[in-house]
Amino acid sequence: MSVQHWKFQRISAVALIPIILFSLYYIVNLGTLPYDQLINDLGSLNGFIITTLFMGFILFHSSMGMEVIIEDYVHSENLQKNIVSISKLFHIVSFFLTITILASI
């Protein structure tokens, strides 16, 4: 793990604080809407941006954390690289699936 990786992980953790708070506020307010308005709100530009930012930062931070865990507990160099690659692929696919689903609303 490099110093840059450590810094990105800490910066993403700090950035997640306001993003999570704002997203929770947004989600709580969605709970009061009828279904039709909920779908319209999630399909709006604001809903798309809020959800994309939230999922993007969560998945980025998760990917970096998984990489550290894998590096700590998997001792075979080749297996470590393969598992990290699979984890990153999973996180990237999850992000693009989120965007695709939101764009289809």
PDB file of N, CA and C in Angstrom:
ATOM      1  N   MET A   1       0.853  -1.180   0.000  1.00  0.00           N
ATOM      2  CA  MET A   1       0.000   0.000   0.000  1.00  0.00           C
ATOM      3  C   MET A   1       0.892   1.235   0.000  1.00  0.00           C
ATOM      4  N   SER A   2       0.590   2.153  -0.859  1.00  0.00           N
ATOM      5  CA  SER A   2       1.405   3.352  -0.982  1.00  0.00           C
ATOM      6  C   SER A   2       0.811   4.495  -0.144  1.00  0.00           C
ATOM      7  N   VAL A   3       1.599   5.533  -0.005  1.00  0.00           N
ATOM      8  CA  VAL A   3       1.145   6.714   0.731  1.00  0.00           C
ATOM      9  C   VAL A   3      -0.027   7.365  -0.009  1.00  0.00           C
ATOM     10  N   GLN A   4       0.033   7.371  -1.335  1.00  0.00           N
ATOM     11  CA  GLN A   4      -1.051   7.965  -2.124  1.00  0.00           C
ATOM     12  C   GLN A   4      -2.356   7.209  -1.897  1.00  0.00           C
ATOM     13  N   HIS A   5      -2.294   5.890  -1.858  1.00  0.00           N
ATOM     14  CA  HIS A   5      -3.473   5.065  -1.603  1.00  0.00           C
ATOM     15  C   HIS A   5      -4.056   5.401  -0.233  1.00  0.00           C
ATOM     16  N   TRP A   6      -3.201   5.526   0.769  1.00  0.00           N
ATOM     17  CA  TRP A   6      -3.623   5.857   2.124  1.00  0.00           C
ATOM     18  C   TRP A   6      -4.313   7.228   2.145  1.00  0.00           C
ATOM     19  N   LYS A   7      -3.707   8.214   1.446  1.00  0.00           N
ATOM     20  CA  LYS A   7      -4.300   9.556   1.403  1.00  0.00           C
ATOM     21  C   LYS A   7      -5.665   9.539   0.720  1.00  0.00           C
ATOM     22  N   PHE A   8      -5.784   8.824  -0.420  1.00  0.00           N
ATOM     23  CA  PHE A   8      -7.065   8.753  -1.124  1.00  0.00           C
ATOM     24  C   PHE A   8      -8.134   8.105  -0.247  1.00  0.00           C
ATOM     25  N   GLN A   9      -7.738   7.082   0.505  1.00  0.00           N
ATOM     26  CA  GLN A   9      -8.705   6.417   1.373  1.00  0.00           C
ATOM     27  C   GLN A   9      -9.181   7.367   2.468  1.00  0.00           C
ATOM     28  N   ARG A  10      -8.280   8.128   3.047  1.00  0.00           N
ATOM     29  CA  ARG A  10      -8.668   9.072   4.095  1.00  0.00           C
ATOM     30  C   ARG A  10      -9.487  10.226   3.530  1.00  0.00           C
ATOM     31  N   ILE A  11      -9.108  10.729   2.360  1.00  0.00           N
ATOM     32  CA  ILE A  11      -9.862  11.825   1.738  1.00  0.00           C
ATOM     33  C   ILE A  11     -11.264  11.365   1.382  1.00  0.00           C
ATOM     34  N   SER A  12     -11.382  10.157   0.838  1.00  0.00           N
ATOM     35  CA  SER A  12     -12.715   9.655   0.488  1.00  0.00           C
ATOM     36  C   SER A  12     -13.559   9.442   1.737  1.00  0.00           C
ATOM     37  N   ALA A  13     -12.938   9.033   2.854  1.00  0.00           N
ATOM     38  CA  ALA A  13     -13.680   8.862   4.101  1.00  0.00           C
ATOM     39  C   ALA A  13     -14.223  10.196   4.602  1.00  0.00           C
ATOM     40  N   VAL A  14     -13.408  11.234   4.529  1.00  0.00           N
ATOM     41  CA  VAL A  14     -13.851  12.559   4.965  1.00  0.00           C
ATOM     42  C   VAL A  14     -14.928  13.096   4.017  1.00  0.00           C
ATOM     43  N   ALA A  15     -14.751  12.865   2.727  1.00  0.00           N
ATOM     44  CA  ALA A  15     -15.743  13.333   1.750  1.00  0.00           C
ATOM     45  C   ALA A  15     -17.074  12.597   1.908  1.00  0.00           C
ATOM     46  N   LEU A  16     -17.034  11.377   2.390  1.00  0.00           N
ATOM     47  CA  LEU A  16     -18.261  10.608   2.570  1.00  0.00           C
ATOM     48  C   LEU A  16     -19.153  11.169   3.670  1.00  0.00           C
ATOM     49  N   ILE A  17     -18.594  11.849   4.631  1.00  0.00           N
ATOM     50  CA  ILE A  17     -19.398  12.358   5.753  1.00  0.00           C
ATOM     51  C   ILE A  17     -20.513  13.283   5.265  1.00  0.00           C
ATOM     52  N   PRO A  18     -20.208  14.375   4.558  1.00  0.00           N
ATOM     53  CA  PRO A  18     -21.320  15.229   4.103  1.00  0.00           C
ATOM     54  C   PRO A  18     -22.181  14.555   3.031  1.00  0.00           C
ATOM     55  N   ILE A  19     -21.567  13.713   2.209  1.00  0.00           N
ATOM     56  CA  ILE A  19     -22.344  13.041   1.169  1.00  0.00           C
ATOM     57  C   ILE A  19     -23.367  12.098   1.795  1.00  0.00           C
ATOM     58  N   ILE A  20     -22.956  11.347   2.813  1.00  0.00           N
ATOM     59  CA  ILE A  20     -23.890  10.437   3.482  1.00  0.00           C
ATOM     60  C   ILE A  20     -24.978  11.218   4.211  1.00  0.00           C
ATOM     61  N   LEU A  21     -24.604  12.291   4.893  1.00  0.00           N
ATOM     62  CA  LEU A  21     -25.602  13.089   5.606  1.00  0.00           C
ATOM     63  C   LEU A  21     -26.630  13.671   4.632  1.00  0.00           C
ATOM     64  N   PHE A  22     -26.153  14.236   3.527  1.00  0.00           N
ATOM     65  CA  PHE A  22     -27.074  14.807   2.549  1.00  0.00           C
ATOM     66  C   PHE A  22     -27.926  13.711   1.905  1.00  0.00           C
ATOM     67  N   SER A  23     -27.322  12.569   1.607  1.00  0.00           N
ATOM     68  CA  SER A  23     -28.070  11.471   1.001  1.00  0.00           C
ATOM     69  C   SER A  23     -29.134  10.925   1.954  1.00  0.00           C
ATOM     70  N   LEU A  24     -28.790  10.817   3.238  1.00  0.00           N
ATOM     71  CA  LEU A  24     -29.785  10.370   4.212  1.00  0.00           C
ATOM     72  C   LEU A  24     -30.953  11.349   4.304  1.00  0.00           C
ATOM     73  N   TYR A  25     -30.658  12.638   4.292  1.00  0.00           N
ATOM     74  CA  TYR A  25     -31.710  13.652   4.285  1.00  0.00           C
ATOM     75  C   TYR A  25     -32.595  13.492   3.056  1.00  0.00           C
ATOM     76  N   TYR A  26     -31.968  13.271   1.906  1.00  0.00           N
ATOM     77  CA  TYR A  26     -32.694  13.084   0.651  1.00  0.00           C
ATOM     78  C   TYR A  26     -33.565  11.832   0.713  1.00  0.00           C
ATOM     79  N   ILE A  27     -33.009  10.739   1.227  1.00  0.00           N
ATOM     80  CA  ILE A  27     -33.744   9.472   1.284  1.00  0.00           C
ATOM     81  C   ILE A  27     -34.914   9.556   2.269  1.00  0.00           C
ATOM     82  N   VAL A  28     -34.697  10.194   3.408  1.00  0.00           N
ATOM     83  CA  VAL A  28     -35.779  10.346   4.380  1.00  0.00           C
ATOM     84  C   VAL A  28     -36.919  11.143   3.765  1.00  0.00           C
ATOM     85  N   ASN A  29     -36.602  12.188   3.030  1.00  0.00           N
ATOM     86  CA  ASN A  29     -37.650  12.976   2.370  1.00  0.00           C
ATOM     87  C   ASN A  29     -38.335  12.198   1.264  1.00  0.00           C
ATOM     88  N   LEU A  30     -37.634  11.269   0.640  1.00  0.00           N
ATOM     89  CA  LEU A  30     -38.274  10.433  -0.383  1.00  0.00           C
ATOM     90  C   LEU A  30     -39.330   9.522   0.235  1.00  0.00           C
ATOM     91  N   GLY A  31     -39.125   9.152   1.488  1.00  0.00           N
ATOM     92  CA  GLY A  31     -40.057   8.260   2.158  1.00  0.00           C
ATOM     93  C   GLY A  31     -41.443   8.844   2.330  1.00  0.00           C
ATOM     94  N   THR A  32     -41.578  10.139   2.247  1.00  0.00           N
ATOM     95  CA  THR A  32     -42.878  10.784   2.414  1.00  0.00           C
ATOM     96  C   THR A  32     -43.624  10.941   1.085  1.00  0.00           C
ATOM     97  N   LEU A  33     -42.978  10.628  -0.018  1.00  0.00           N
ATOM     98  CA  LEU A  33     -43.587  10.831  -1.331  1.00  0.00           C
ATOM     99  C   LEU A  33     -44.379   9.608  -1.772  1.00  0.00           C
ATOM    100  N   PRO A  34     -45.471   9.843  -2.519  1.00  0.00           N
ATOM    101  CA  PRO A  34     -46.153   8.712  -3.143  1.00  0.00           C
ATOM    102  C   PRO A  34     -45.247   8.082  -4.224  1.00  0.00           C
ATOM    103  N   TYR A  35     -45.564   6.861  -4.620  1.00  0.00           N
ATOM    104  CA  TYR A  35     -44.709   6.105  -5.530  1.00  0.00           C
ATOM    105  C   TYR A  35     -44.423   6.856  -6.830  1.00  0.00           C
ATOM    106  N   ASP A  36     -45.422   7.437  -7.447  1.00  0.00           N
ATOM    107  CA  ASP A  36     -45.219   8.140  -8.728  1.00  0.00           C
ATOM    108  C   ASP A  36     -44.246   9.307  -8.583  1.00  0.00           C
ATOM    109  N   GLN A  37     -44.402  10.080  -7.526  1.00  0.00           N
ATOM    110  CA  GLN A  37     -43.491  11.204  -7.294  1.00  0.00           C
ATOM    111  C   GLN A  37     -42.086  10.713  -6.949  1.00  0.00           C
ATOM    112  N   LEU A  38     -42.002   9.587  -6.244  1.00  0.00           N
ATOM    113  CA  LEU A  38     -40.709   9.009  -5.902  1.00  0.00           C
ATOM    114  C   LEU A  38     -39.937   8.639  -7.161  1.00  0.00           C
ATOM    115  N   ILE A  39     -40.591   7.976  -8.088  1.00  0.00           N
ATOM    116  CA  ILE A  39     -39.949   7.589  -9.350  1.00  0.00           C
ATOM    117  C   ILE A  39     -39.556   8.827 -10.143  1.00  0.00           C
ATOM    118  N   ASN A  40     -40.440   9.821 -10.190  1.00  0.00           N
ATOM    119  CA  ASN A  40     -40.114  11.066 -10.904  1.00  0.00           C
ATOM    120  C   ASN A  40     -38.918  11.771 -10.263  1.00  0.00           C
ATOM    121  N   ASP A  41     -38.859  11.772  -8.944  1.00  0.00           N
ATOM    122  CA  ASP A  41     -37.751  12.442  -8.260  1.00  0.00           C
ATOM    123  C   ASP A  41     -36.433  11.709  -8.494  1.00  0.00           C
ATOM    124  N   LEU A  42     -36.444  10.369  -8.406  1.00  0.00           N
ATOM    125  CA  LEU A  42     -35.221   9.603  -8.663  1.00  0.00           C
ATOM    126  C   LEU A  42     -34.773   9.727 -10.123  1.00  0.00           C
ATOM    127  N   GLY A  43     -35.728   9.910 -11.022  1.00  0.00           N
ATOM    128  CA  GLY A  43     -35.405  10.061 -12.438  1.00  0.00           C
ATOM    129  C   GLY A  43     -34.989  11.471 -12.822  1.00  0.00           C
ATOM    130  N   SER A  44     -35.150  12.419 -11.898  1.00  0.00           N
ATOM    131  CA  SER A  44     -34.757  13.800 -12.199  1.00  0.00           C
ATOM    132  C   SER A  44     -33.245  13.931 -12.162  1.00  0.00           C
ATOM    133  N   LEU A  45     -32.765  15.049 -12.670  1.00  0.00           N
ATOM    134  CA  LEU A  45     -31.322  15.299 -12.692  1.00  0.00           C
ATOM    135  C   LEU A  45     -30.754  15.347 -11.265  1.00  0.00           C
ATOM    136  N   ASN A  46     -31.481  15.996 -10.351  1.00  0.00           N
ATOM    137  CA  ASN A  46     -31.006  16.065  -8.962  1.00  0.00           C
ATOM    138  C   ASN A  46     -30.900  14.678  -8.336  1.00  0.00           C
ATOM    139  N   GLY A  47     -31.924  13.863  -8.519  1.00  0.00           N
ATOM    140  CA  GLY A  47     -31.899  12.511  -7.978  1.00  0.00           C
ATOM    141  C   GLY A  47     -30.772  11.687  -8.570  1.00  0.00           C
ATOM    142  N   PHE A  48     -30.556  11.849  -9.865  1.00  0.00           N
ATOM    143  CA  PHE A  48     -29.478  11.129 -10.551  1.00  0.00           C
ATOM    144  C   PHE A  48     -28.112  11.532  -9.997  1.00  0.00           C
ATOM    145  N   ILE A  49     -27.899  12.837  -9.838  1.00  0.00           N
ATOM    146  CA  ILE A  49     -26.601  13.338  -9.348  1.00  0.00           C
ATOM    147  C   ILE A  49     -26.355  12.901  -7.905  1.00  0.00           C
ATOM    148  N   ILE A  50     -27.359  13.039  -7.047  1.00  0.00           N
ATOM    149  CA  ILE A  50     -27.194  12.675  -5.632  1.00  0.00           C
ATOM    150  C   ILE A  50     -26.884  11.182  -5.501  1.00  0.00           C
ATOM    151  N   THR A  51     -27.664  10.355  -6.186  1.00  0.00           N
ATOM    152  CA  THR A  51     -27.463   8.911  -6.080  1.00  0.00           C
ATOM    153  C   THR A  51     -26.151   8.481  -6.709  1.00  0.00           C
ATOM    154  N   THR A  52     -25.770   9.083  -7.827  1.00  0.00           N
ATOM    155  CA  THR A  52     -24.507   8.737  -8.482  1.00  0.00           C
ATOM    156  C   THR A  52     -23.313   9.134  -7.621  1.00  0.00           C
ATOM    157  N   LEU A  53     -23.352  10.314  -7.036  1.00  0.00           N
ATOM    158  CA  LEU A  53     -22.271  10.736  -6.132  1.00  0.00           C
ATOM    159  C   LEU A  53     -22.171   9.810  -4.924  1.00  0.00           C
ATOM    160  N   PHE A  54     -23.323   9.512  -4.333  1.00  0.00           N
ATOM    161  CA  PHE A  54     -23.351   8.648  -3.162  1.00  0.00           C
ATOM    162  C   PHE A  54     -22.767   7.277  -3.496  1.00  0.00           C
ATOM    163  N   MET A  55     -23.263   6.637  -4.541  1.00  0.00           N
ATOM    164  CA  MET A  55     -22.782   5.305  -4.897  1.00  0.00           C
ATOM    165  C   MET A  55     -21.339   5.339  -5.375  1.00  0.00           C
ATOM    166  N   GLY A  56     -20.970   6.392  -6.098  1.00  0.00           N
ATOM    167  CA  GLY A  56     -19.601   6.500  -6.585  1.00  0.00           C
ATOM    168  C   GLY A  56     -18.598   6.561  -5.448  1.00  0.00           C
ATOM    169  N   PHE A  57     -18.849   7.423  -4.462  1.00  0.00           N
ATOM    170  CA  PHE A  57     -17.931   7.536  -3.331  1.00  0.00           C
ATOM    171  C   PHE A  57     -17.945   6.288  -2.459  1.00  0.00           C
ATOM    172  N   ILE A  58     -19.131   5.715  -2.241  1.00  0.00           N
ATOM    173  CA  ILE A  58     -19.221   4.492  -1.435  1.00  0.00           C
ATOM    174  C   ILE A  58     -18.438   3.366  -2.109  1.00  0.00           C
ATOM    175  N   LEU A  59     -18.629   3.187  -3.405  1.00  0.00           N
ATOM    176  CA  LEU A  59     -17.941   2.096  -4.111  1.00  0.00           C
ATOM    177  C   LEU A  59     -16.440   2.354  -4.212  1.00  0.00           C
ATOM    178  N   PHE A  60     -16.035   3.611  -4.409  1.00  0.00           N
ATOM    179  CA  PHE A  60     -14.611   3.941  -4.458  1.00  0.00           C
ATOM    180  C   PHE A  60     -13.950   3.636  -3.116  1.00  0.00           C
ATOM    181  N   HIS A  61     -14.559   4.086  -2.034  1.00  0.00           N
ATOM    182  CA  HIS A  61     -14.010   3.856  -0.706  1.00  0.00           C
ATOM    183  C   HIS A  61     -14.008   2.363  -0.377  1.00  0.00           C
ATOM    184  N   SER A  62     -15.060   1.674  -0.744  1.00  0.00           N
ATOM    185  CA  SER A  62     -15.146   0.232  -0.521  1.00  0.00           C
ATOM    186  C   SER A  62     -14.063  -0.512  -1.287  1.00  0.00           C
ATOM    187  N   SER A  63     -13.837  -0.125  -2.519  1.00  0.00           N
ATOM    188  CA  SER A  63     -12.812  -0.774  -3.340  1.00  0.00           C
ATOM    189  C   SER A  63     -11.431  -0.616  -2.715  1.00  0.00           C
ATOM    190  N   MET A  64     -11.136   0.581  -2.249  1.00  0.00           N
ATOM    191  CA  MET A  64      -9.827   0.806  -1.633  1.00  0.00           C
ATOM    192  C   MET A  64      -9.693   0.037  -0.327  1.00  0.00           C
ATOM    193  N   GLY A  65     -10.759  -0.024   0.457  1.00  0.00           N
ATOM    194  CA  GLY A  65     -10.720  -0.779   1.702  1.00  0.00           C
ATOM    195  C   GLY A  65     -10.563  -2.274   1.461  1.00  0.00           C
ATOM    196  N   MET A  66     -11.263  -2.794   0.451  1.00  0.00           N
ATOM    197  CA  MET A  66     -11.138  -4.219   0.117  1.00  0.00           C
ATOM    198  C   MET A  66      -9.716  -4.540  -0.333  1.00  0.00           C
ATOM    199  N   GLU A  67      -9.115  -3.628  -1.072  1.00  0.00           N
ATOM    200  CA  GLU A  67      -7.743  -3.843  -1.532  1.00  0.00           C
ATOM    201  C   GLU A  67      -6.783  -3.978  -0.347  1.00  0.00           C
ATOM    202  N   VAL A  68      -6.952  -3.132   0.655  1.00  0.00           N
ATOM    203  CA  VAL A  68      -6.094  -3.198   1.837  1.00  0.00           C
ATOM    204  C   VAL A  68      -6.321  -4.516   2.586  1.00  0.00           C
ATOM    205  N   ILE A  69      -7.572  -4.909   2.739  1.00  0.00           N
ATOM    206  CA  ILE A  69      -7.875  -6.167   3.434  1.00  0.00           C
ATOM    207  C   ILE A  69      -7.268  -7.353   2.686  1.00  0.00           C
ATOM    208  N   ILE A  70      -7.422  -7.359   1.367  1.00  0.00           N
ATOM    209  CA  ILE A  70      -6.867  -8.453   0.560  1.00  0.00           C
ATOM    210  C   ILE A  70      -5.349  -8.483   0.680  1.00  0.00           C
ATOM    211  N   GLU A  71      -4.716  -7.331   0.612  1.00  0.00           N
ATOM    212  CA  GLU A  71      -3.255  -7.272   0.734  1.00  0.00           C
ATOM    213  C   GLU A  71      -2.790  -7.762   2.105  1.00  0.00           C
ATOM    214  N   ASP A  72      -3.588  -7.516   3.142  1.00  0.00           N
ATOM    215  CA  ASP A  72      -3.197  -7.935   4.492  1.00  0.00           C
ATOM    216  C   ASP A  72      -3.384  -9.430   4.731  1.00  0.00           C
ATOM    217  N   TYR A  73      -4.410 -10.028   4.142  1.00  0.00           N
ATOM    218  CA  TYR A  73      -4.761 -11.394   4.514  1.00  0.00           C
ATOM    219  C   TYR A  73      -4.492 -12.447   3.449  1.00  0.00           C
ATOM    220  N   VAL A  74      -4.215 -12.054   2.219  1.00  0.00           N
ATOM    221  CA  VAL A  74      -3.867 -13.023   1.177  1.00  0.00           C
ATOM    222  C   VAL A  74      -2.364 -12.910   0.961  1.00  0.00           C
ATOM    223  N   HIS A  75      -1.655 -13.989   1.192  1.00  0.00           N
ATOM    224  CA  HIS A  75      -0.195 -13.925   1.202  1.00  0.00           C
ATOM    225  C   HIS A  75       0.442 -14.295  -0.136  1.00  0.00           C
ATOM    226  N   SER A  76      -0.268 -14.999  -0.992  1.00  0.00           N
ATOM    227  CA  SER A  76       0.253 -15.340  -2.307  1.00  0.00           C
ATOM    228  C   SER A  76       0.136 -14.118  -3.225  1.00  0.00           C
ATOM    229  N   GLU A  77       1.249 -13.700  -3.778  1.00  0.00           N
ATOM    230  CA  GLU A  77       1.295 -12.487  -4.613  1.00  0.00           C
ATOM    231  C   GLU A  77       0.347 -12.590  -5.820  1.00  0.00           C
ATOM    232  N   ASN A  78       0.373 -13.716  -6.517  1.00  0.00           N
ATOM    233  CA  ASN A  78      -0.473 -13.882  -7.708  1.00  0.00           C
ATOM    234  C   ASN A  78      -1.947 -13.910  -7.339  1.00  0.00           C
ATOM    235  N   LEU A  79      -2.282 -14.666  -6.307  1.00  0.00           N
ATOM    236  CA  LEU A  79      -3.671 -14.738  -5.860  1.00  0.00           C
ATOM    237  C   LEU A  79      -4.151 -13.370  -5.393  1.00  0.00           C
ATOM    238  N   GLN A  80      -3.292 -12.656  -4.708  1.00  0.00           N
ATOM    239  CA  GLN A  80      -3.614 -11.311  -4.229  1.00  0.00           C
ATOM    240  C   GLN A  80      -3.970 -10.387  -5.389  1.00  0.00           C
ATOM    241  N   LYS A  81      -3.135 -10.386  -6.423  1.00  0.00           N
ATOM    242  CA  LYS A  81      -3.389  -9.535  -7.595  1.00  0.00           C
ATOM    243  C   LYS A  81      -4.693  -9.920  -8.283  1.00  0.00           C
ATOM    244  N   ASN A  82      -4.950 -11.222  -8.397  1.00  0.00           N
ATOM    245  CA  ASN A  82      -6.181 -11.677  -9.052  1.00  0.00           C
ATOM    246  C   ASN A  82      -7.422 -11.277  -8.266  1.00  0.00           C
ATOM    247  N   ILE A  83      -7.374 -11.448  -6.959  1.00  0.00           N
ATOM    248  CA  ILE A  83      -8.535 -11.093  -6.145  1.00  0.00           C
ATOM    249  C   ILE A  83      -8.767  -9.580  -6.148  1.00  0.00           C
ATOM    250  N   VAL A  84      -7.705  -8.805  -6.081  1.00  0.00           N
ATOM    251  CA  VAL A  84      -7.838  -7.339  -6.147  1.00  0.00           C
ATOM    252  C   VAL A  84      -8.450  -6.934  -7.493  1.00  0.00           C
ATOM    253  N   SER A  85      -8.015  -7.563  -8.572  1.00  0.00           N
ATOM    254  CA  SER A  85      -8.564  -7.251  -9.900  1.00  0.00           C
ATOM    255  C   SER A  85     -10.049  -7.589  -9.968  1.00  0.00           C
ATOM    256  N   ILE A  86     -10.428  -8.737  -9.425  1.00  0.00           N
ATOM    257  CA  ILE A  86     -11.837  -9.128  -9.419  1.00  0.00           C
ATOM    258  C   ILE A  86     -12.654  -8.151  -8.581  1.00  0.00           C
ATOM    259  N   SER A  87     -12.111  -7.748  -7.438  1.00  0.00           N
ATOM    260  CA  SER A  87     -12.802  -6.795  -6.573  1.00  0.00           C
ATOM    261  C   SER A  87     -13.001  -5.454  -7.284  1.00  0.00           C
ATOM    262  N   LYS A  88     -11.961  -4.964  -7.936  1.00  0.00           N
ATOM    263  CA  LYS A  88     -12.081  -3.689  -8.661  1.00  0.00           C
ATOM    264  C   LYS A  88     -13.090  -3.800  -9.805  1.00  0.00           C
ATOM    265  N   LEU A  89     -13.061  -4.930 -10.503  1.00  0.00           N
ATOM    266  CA  LEU A  89     -14.021  -5.147 -11.581  1.00  0.00           C
ATOM    267  C   LEU A  89     -15.441  -5.137 -11.039  1.00  0.00           C
ATOM    268  N   PHE A  90     -15.664  -5.809  -9.914  1.00  0.00           N
ATOM    269  CA  PHE A  90     -16.976  -5.826  -9.272  1.00  0.00           C
ATOM    270  C   PHE A  90     -17.439  -4.409  -8.932  1.00  0.00           C
ATOM    271  N   HIS A  91     -16.557  -3.599  -8.368  1.00  0.00           N
ATOM    272  CA  HIS A  91     -16.926  -2.240  -7.989  1.00  0.00           C
ATOM    273  C   HIS A  91     -17.221  -1.366  -9.211  1.00  0.00           C
ATOM    274  N   ILE A  92     -16.441  -1.520 -10.258  1.00  0.00           N
ATOM    275  CA  ILE A  92     -16.674  -0.743 -11.483  1.00  0.00           C
ATOM    276  C   ILE A  92     -17.991  -1.138 -12.126  1.00  0.00           C
ATOM    277  N   VAL A  93     -18.241  -2.441 -12.221  1.00  0.00           N
ATOM    278  CA  VAL A  93     -19.500  -2.921 -12.807  1.00  0.00           C
ATOM    279  C   VAL A  93     -20.679  -2.432 -11.974  1.00  0.00           C
ATOM    280  N   SER A  94     -20.550  -2.480 -10.649  1.00  0.00           N
ATOM    281  CA  SER A  94     -21.627  -2.003  -9.771  1.00  0.00           C
ATOM    282  C   SER A  94     -21.928  -0.527 -10.006  1.00  0.00           C
ATOM    283  N   PHE A  95     -20.884   0.270 -10.179  1.00  0.00           N
ATOM    284  CA  PHE A  95     -21.088   1.699 -10.428  1.00  0.00           C
ATOM    285  C   PHE A  95     -21.822   1.929 -11.750  1.00  0.00           C
ATOM    286  N   PHE A  96     -21.385   1.243 -12.799  1.00  0.00           N
ATOM    287  CA  PHE A  96     -22.039   1.434 -14.090  1.00  0.00           C
ATOM    288  C   PHE A  96     -23.456   0.866 -14.124  1.00  0.00           C
ATOM    289  N   LEU A  97     -23.706  -0.193 -13.364  1.00  0.00           N
ATOM    290  CA  LEU A  97     -25.074  -0.692 -13.252  1.00  0.00           C
ATOM    291  C   LEU A  97     -25.960   0.320 -12.535  1.00  0.00           C
ATOM    292  N   THR A  98     -25.416   0.990 -11.535  1.00  0.00           N
ATOM    293  CA  THR A  98     -26.166   2.041 -10.839  1.00  0.00           C
ATOM    294  C   THR A  98     -26.544   3.150 -11.805  1.00  0.00           C
ATOM    295  N   ILE A  99     -25.587   3.592 -12.603  1.00  0.00           N
ATOM    296  CA  ILE A  99     -25.864   4.646 -13.575  1.00  0.00           C
ATOM    297  C   ILE A  99     -26.887   4.182 -14.599  1.00  0.00           C
ATOM    298  N   THR A 100     -26.740   2.958 -15.079  1.00  0.00           N
ATOM    299  CA  THR A 100     -27.675   2.426 -16.076  1.00  0.00           C
ATOM    300  C   THR A 100     -29.097   2.349 -15.517  1.00  0.00           C
ATOM    301  N   ILE A 101     -29.222   1.857 -14.290  1.00  0.00           N
ATOM    302  CA  ILE A 101     -30.543   1.756 -13.675  1.00  0.00           C
ATOM    303  C   ILE A 101     -31.169   3.138 -13.465  1.00  0.00           C
ATOM    304  N   LEU A 102     -30.363   4.084 -12.981  1.00  0.00           N
ATOM    305  CA  LEU A 102     -30.898   5.438 -12.780  1.00  0.00           C
ATOM    306  C   LEU A 102     -31.274   6.099 -14.090  1.00  0.00           C
ATOM    307  N   ALA A 103     -30.501   5.845 -15.135  1.00  0.00           N
ATOM    308  CA  ALA A 103     -30.798   6.455 -16.434  1.00  0.00           C
ATOM    309  C   ALA A 103     -32.060   5.863 -17.054  1.00  0.00           C
ATOM    310  N   SER A 104     -32.414   4.648 -16.649  1.00  0.00           N
ATOM    311  CA  SER A 104     -33.607   4.016 -17.224  1.00  0.00           C
ATOM    312  C   SER A 104     -34.901   4.437 -16.524  1.00  0.00           C
ATOM    313  N   ILE A 105     -34.767   5.140 -15.400  1.00  0.00           N
ATOM    314  CA  ILE A 105     -35.993   5.572 -14.661  1.00  0.00           C
ATOM    315  C   ILE A 105     -36.639   6.715 -15.402  1.00  0.00           C
TER     316      ILE A 105
END
